[in-house]
């Protein structure tokens, strides 16, 4: 499902809470801009160049996935489980990350936005 603009869908009676689940999917170049995707499940997905700006992903699960070049800005990532997910660029000053869960070494990527230097 590559290049889908999910924002243009017609969702008259669809409750986004806990109803979307993607497993082992390729969702690259998709647009989820400003959608309310609470408790959405993405497991083992390729999410390259996906637009998650202004989306509400709180309590979602994004595990073992590749987020290369995906966009996050003003995104609600409260209590999101990012365990095993890699290649993300998330500015901790521009997104809400309270109670989010990351794999230890991948969490270091969160420091890139702070323009600091890490030394061994």
Protein backbone atom coordinates (compact mmCIF):
# COMPACT_ATOMS: atom_id res chain seq x y z
CA UNK A 1 0.00 0.00 0.00
CA UNK A 2 2.47 2.58 -1.22
CA UNK A 3 1.64 6.26 -1.69
CA UNK A 4 -1.83 6.27 -0.13
CA UNK A 5 -3.16 9.62 1.04
CA UNK A 6 -5.20 8.39 4.02
CA UNK A 7 -6.45 11.94 4.66
CA UNK A 8 -8.68 11.86 1.58
CA UNK A 9 -10.59 8.79 2.73
CA UNK A 10 -14.25 9.07 3.61
CA UNK A 11 -14.67 7.87 7.20
CA UNK A 12 -18.29 8.75 8.15
CA UNK A 13 -18.80 6.13 10.87
CA UNK A 14 -15.28 4.92 11.37
CA UNK A 15 -13.94 5.18 14.89
CA UNK A 16 -10.17 5.44 14.63
CA UNK A 17 -9.65 4.11 18.13
CA UNK A 18 -8.08 0.64 18.04
CA UNK A 19 -9.33 -0.24 14.58
CA UNK A 20 -6.33 0.14 12.29
CA UNK A 21 -3.70 -2.57 12.34
CA UNK A 22 -0.81 -3.02 9.89
CA UNK A 23 1.52 -6.04 10.07
CA UNK A 24 4.48 -6.62 7.79
CA UNK A 25 3.25 -3.91 5.41
CA UNK A 26 5.00 -1.51 3.10
CA UNK A 27 3.29 1.85 3.68
CA UNK A 28 5.99 4.09 2.23
CA UNK A 29 5.10 7.52 0.87
CA UNK A 30 1.78 7.51 2.74
CA UNK A 31 0.07 10.54 4.23
CA UNK A 32 -1.48 10.42 7.71
CA UNK A 33 -1.30 14.21 8.21
CA UNK A 34 -3.44 15.38 11.16
CA UNK A 35 -5.38 12.11 11.46
CA UNK A 36 -6.50 10.84 14.85
CA UNK A 37 -4.96 7.38 14.90
CA UNK A 38 -5.10 6.58 18.61
CA UNK A 39 -4.03 3.01 19.41
CA UNK A 40 -3.10 2.18 15.81
CA UNK A 41 -0.84 -0.84 15.39
CA UNK A 42 2.15 -0.90 12.99
CA UNK A 43 4.34 -4.00 13.39
CA UNK A 44 7.29 -4.90 11.16
CA UNK A 45 6.37 -2.22 8.61
CA UNK A 46 8.39 -0.20 6.13
CA UNK A 47 7.26 3.38 6.74
CA UNK A 48 9.67 5.33 4.53
CA UNK A 49 8.75 8.95 3.71
CA UNK A 50 5.47 8.83 5.65
CA UNK A 51 3.86 12.09 6.78
CA UNK A 52 2.78 11.83 10.42
CA UNK A 53 2.82 15.61 11.03
CA UNK A 54 0.06 16.85 13.35
CA UNK A 55 -1.25 13.30 13.76
CA UNK A 56 -2.48 11.89 17.05
CA UNK A 57 -0.83 8.52 17.52
CA UNK A 58 -1.13 8.30 21.29
CA UNK A 59 -1.09 4.76 22.70
CA UNK A 60 -0.14 3.37 19.29
CA UNK A 61 2.33 0.56 18.72
CA UNK A 62 5.03 1.09 16.08
CA UNK A 63 7.35 -1.87 16.65
CA UNK A 64 10.18 -3.39 14.61
CA UNK A 65 9.55 -0.89 11.81
CA UNK A 66 11.71 1.32 9.59
CA UNK A 67 10.77 5.04 9.70
CA UNK A 68 13.40 6.34 7.26
CA UNK A 69 12.69 9.92 6.17
CA UNK A 70 9.27 9.99 7.83
CA UNK A 71 7.99 13.34 9.10
CA UNK A 72 6.98 14.10 12.67
CA UNK A 73 6.06 17.64 13.73
CA UNK A 74 3.49 18.59 16.35
CA UNK A 75 2.69 14.87 16.51
CA UNK A 76 1.16 13.37 19.64
CA UNK A 77 3.32 10.34 20.42
CA UNK A 78 2.21 9.95 24.03
CA UNK A 79 2.65 6.36 25.25
CA UNK A 80 3.68 5.09 21.80
CA UNK A 81 5.73 1.87 21.83
CA UNK A 82 8.63 2.28 19.36
CA UNK A 83 10.46 -0.87 20.54
CA UNK A 84 12.71 -2.22 17.79
CA UNK A 85 11.86 0.65 15.45
CA UNK A 86 14.78 2.39 13.75
CA UNK A 87 15.84 5.14 11.36
CA UNK A 88 13.51 7.76 12.80
CA UNK A 89 14.08 11.50 13.10
CA UNK A 90 11.88 12.88 15.86
CA UNK A 91 12.58 16.30 17.34
CA UNK A 92 11.81 16.01 21.05
CA UNK A 93 11.08 19.75 21.19
CA UNK A 94 8.48 19.64 18.39
CA UNK A 95 6.53 16.51 19.35
CA UNK A 96 4.77 15.18 22.43
CA UNK A 97 6.68 12.09 23.62
CA UNK A 98 5.55 11.61 27.21
CA UNK A 99 5.68 7.95 28.32
CA UNK A 100 6.87 6.77 24.87
CA UNK A 101 8.98 3.60 24.82
CA UNK A 102 12.15 3.16 22.72
CA UNK A 103 14.87 0.54 22.43
CA UNK A 104 17.92 1.74 24.36
CA UNK A 105 20.32 2.32 21.46
CA UNK A 106 17.72 3.63 19.05
CA UNK A 107 16.67 6.23 21.63
CA UNK A 108 20.01 7.97 21.06
CA UNK A 109 18.58 9.22 17.75
CA UNK A 110 16.32 11.52 19.82
CA UNK A 111 19.40 13.54 20.77
CA UNK A 112 20.18 14.54 17.17
CA UNK A 113 17.69 17.41 17.31
CA UNK A 114 19.50 18.93 20.30
CA UNK A 115 22.66 19.76 18.34
CA UNK A 116 24.90 18.18 20.95
CA UNK A 117 27.95 15.98 20.67
CA UNK A 118 28.12 12.52 22.20
CA UNK A 119 31.55 11.11 23.04
CA UNK A 120 32.64 7.70 24.31
